[in-house]
C-alpha atoms as a PDB file:
ATOM      1  CA  MET A   1      10.344 -34.957  -6.925  1.00  0.00           C
ATOM      2  CA  SER A   2      10.940 -31.244  -6.956  1.00  0.00           C
ATOM      3  CA  SER A   3      14.019 -29.596  -7.368  1.00  0.00           C
ATOM      4  CA  LEU A   4      16.008 -27.628  -4.971  1.00  0.00           C
ATOM      5  CA  ASN A   5      14.963 -24.420  -6.109  1.00  0.00           C
ATOM      6  CA  GLU A   6      11.403 -24.903  -6.540  1.00  0.00           C
ATOM      7  CA  GLU A   7      11.550 -26.317  -2.419  1.00  0.00           C
ATOM      8  CA  MET A   8      13.503 -22.876  -1.717  1.00  0.00           C
ATOM      9  CA  ALA A   9      10.340 -21.036  -3.398  1.00  0.00           C
ATOM     10  CA  ASP A  10       8.416 -22.948  -1.520  1.00  0.00           C
ATOM     11  CA  VAL A  11       9.822 -21.861   1.886  1.00  0.00           C
ATOM     12  CA  GLN A  12      10.395 -18.332   1.309  1.00  0.00           C
ATOM     13  CA  THR A  13       7.090 -18.403   0.300  1.00  0.00           C
ATOM     14  CA  GLU A  14       6.032 -19.393   3.309  1.00  0.00           C
ATOM     15  CA  ILE A  15       7.990 -17.426   5.751  1.00  0.00           C
ATOM     16  CA  ASP A  16       6.691 -14.572   3.559  1.00  0.00           C
ATOM     17  CA  GLN A  17       3.295 -15.541   4.740  1.00  0.00           C
ATOM     18  CA  VAL A  18       4.401 -15.802   8.169  1.00  0.00           C
ATOM     19  CA  ARG A  19       5.774 -12.162   8.145  1.00  0.00           C
ATOM     20  CA  GLU A  20       2.734 -10.840   6.805  1.00  0.00           C
ATOM     21  CA  LEU A  21       0.604 -12.625   9.396  1.00  0.00           C
ATOM     22  CA  LEU A  22       3.024 -11.320  12.594  1.00  0.00           C
ATOM     23  CA  ARG A  23       2.595  -8.028  10.485  1.00  0.00           C
ATOM     24  CA  THR A  24      -1.246  -7.983  10.779  1.00  0.00           C
ATOM     25  CA  GLU A  25      -1.395 -10.122  14.378  1.00  0.00           C
ATOM     26  CA  VAL A  26       0.841  -9.021  16.947  1.00  0.00           C
ATOM     27  CA  PRO A  27      -0.549  -5.415  16.884  1.00  0.00           C
ATOM     28  CA  ASN A  28      -3.694  -5.823  18.182  1.00  0.00           C
ATOM     29  CA  LEU A  29      -1.934  -7.674  21.145  1.00  0.00           C
ATOM     30  CA  PHE A  30      -1.455  -4.171  22.292  1.00  0.00           C
ATOM     31  CA  GLU A  31      -3.154  -1.328  23.566  1.00  0.00           C
ATOM     32  CA  PHE A  32      -1.844   1.065  21.922  1.00  0.00           C
ATOM     33  CA  ASP A  33       0.116   1.735  18.476  1.00  0.00           C
ATOM     34  CA  VAL A  34       3.050  -0.443  18.011  1.00  0.00           C
ATOM     35  CA  THR A  35       5.011  -1.309  14.616  1.00  0.00           C
ATOM     36  CA  VAL A  36       6.412  -4.389  13.666  1.00  0.00           C
ATOM     37  CA  SER A  37       9.795  -3.256  12.995  1.00  0.00           C
ATOM     38  CA  ARG A  38      11.995  -6.043  11.703  1.00  0.00           C
ATOM     39  CA  ILE A  39      11.448  -9.978  11.493  1.00  0.00           C
ATOM     40  CA  GLU A  40      14.225 -12.132  11.240  1.00  0.00           C
ATOM     41  CA  TYR A  41      13.827 -16.459  10.292  1.00  0.00           C
ATOM     42  CA  ASN A  42      16.491 -17.967  12.018  1.00  0.00           C
ATOM     43  CA  ALA A  43      16.839 -21.650  10.340  1.00  0.00           C
ATOM     44  CA  ASN A  44      19.366 -23.006  12.993  1.00  0.00           C
ATOM     45  CA  ASN A  45      16.436 -22.602  15.662  1.00  0.00           C
ATOM     46  CA  ASN A  46      13.275 -22.686  13.373  1.00  0.00           C
ATOM     47  CA  SER A  47      12.008 -19.582  14.769  1.00  0.00           C
ATOM     48  CA  VAL A  48      11.019 -16.202  13.698  1.00  0.00           C
ATOM     49  CA  THR A  49      12.028 -13.404  16.232  1.00  0.00           C
ATOM     50  CA  LEU A  50      10.278  -9.809  15.367  1.00  0.00           C
ATOM     51  CA  THR A  51      10.483  -6.209  17.169  1.00  0.00           C
ATOM     52  CA  VAL A  52       8.134  -4.275  18.238  1.00  0.00           C
ATOM     53  CA  GLU A  53       8.062  -0.447  18.432  1.00  0.00           C
ATOM     54  CA  PRO A  54       5.345   1.604  19.834  1.00  0.00           C
ATOM     55  CA  SER A  55       4.097   4.467  16.777  1.00  0.00           C
ATOM     56  CA  SER A  56       4.282   7.721  17.253  1.00  0.00           C
ATOM     57  CA  GLU A  57       0.816   7.817  18.245  1.00  0.00           C
ATOM     58  CA  ALA A  58       1.328   5.355  21.166  1.00  0.00           C
ATOM     59  CA  ARG A  59       2.871   7.733  23.773  1.00  0.00           C
ATOM     60  CA  LYS A  60      -0.413  10.101  23.190  1.00  0.00           C
ATOM     61  CA  GLN A  61      -2.483   6.824  24.007  1.00  0.00           C
ATOM     62  CA  ILE A  62      -0.537   5.752  26.921  1.00  0.00           C
ATOM     63  CA  SER A  63      -0.889   9.376  28.058  1.00  0.00           C
ATOM     64  CA  GLU A  64      -4.837  10.054  27.678  1.00  0.00           C
ATOM     65  CA  GLU A  65      -5.175   6.452  29.069  1.00  0.00           C
ATOM     66  CA  PHE A  66      -3.262   7.146  32.229  1.00  0.00           C
ATOM     67  CA  GLY A  67      -4.905  10.371  32.510  1.00  0.00           C
ATOM     68  CA  GLY A  68      -2.253  12.761  30.864  1.00  0.00           C
ATOM     69  CA  VAL A  69       0.833  11.271  33.025  1.00  0.00           C
ATOM     70  CA  ARG A  70       3.958  11.734  31.002  1.00  0.00           C
ATOM     71  CA  VAL A  71       5.119   8.915  28.752  1.00  0.00           C
ATOM     72  CA  ARG A  72       8.452   8.518  28.071  1.00  0.00           C
ATOM     73  CA  MET A  73       9.583   5.733  25.553  1.00  0.00           C
ATOM     74  CA  ASP A  74      12.800   5.011  24.467  1.00  0.00           C
ATOM     75  CA  ASP A  75      12.998   1.047  23.693  1.00  0.00           C
ATOM     76  CA  GLN A  76      11.165  -1.900  22.269  1.00  0.00           C
ATOM     77  CA  LEU A  77      10.351  -5.231  22.590  1.00  0.00           C
ATOM     78  CA  THR A  78      11.503  -8.291  20.601  1.00  0.00           C
ATOM     79  CA  PHE A  79       9.798 -11.425  20.763  1.00  0.00           C
ATOM     80  CA  GLU A  80      10.963 -15.249  19.152  1.00  0.00           C
ATOM     81  CA  PHE A  81       8.279 -17.954  17.762  1.00  0.00           C
ATOM     82  CA  GLN A  82       9.388 -21.343  17.428  1.00  0.00           C
ATOM     83  CA  PHE A  83       7.776 -23.570  14.736  1.00  0.00           C
ATOM     84  CA  THR A  84       6.582 -26.665  15.702  1.00  0.00           C
ATOM     85  CA  SER A  85       5.751 -29.776  13.105  1.00  0.00           C
ATOM     86  CA  ASP A  86       2.559 -31.593  13.310  1.00  0.00           C
ATOM     87  CA  VAL A  87       4.476 -34.330  10.767  1.00  0.00           C
END
């Protein structure tokens, strides 16, 4: 039987792995450069919430995509991923 400290360390390792996966994979969902700026685990909902912000290059990329239009970005996107269990 493992100790509480070992179990907490295992959970933290899993959360860190999820964070790294999200930082790597989420930007691939967009046609322009974005930065994953905040990732928070919510134990009550067993979910991870992350914030995505356009990078400094995104405005230029979007402008070029739409033929040189002026692009203004003032906001961010927030996603919540709910964990499920196969057990």
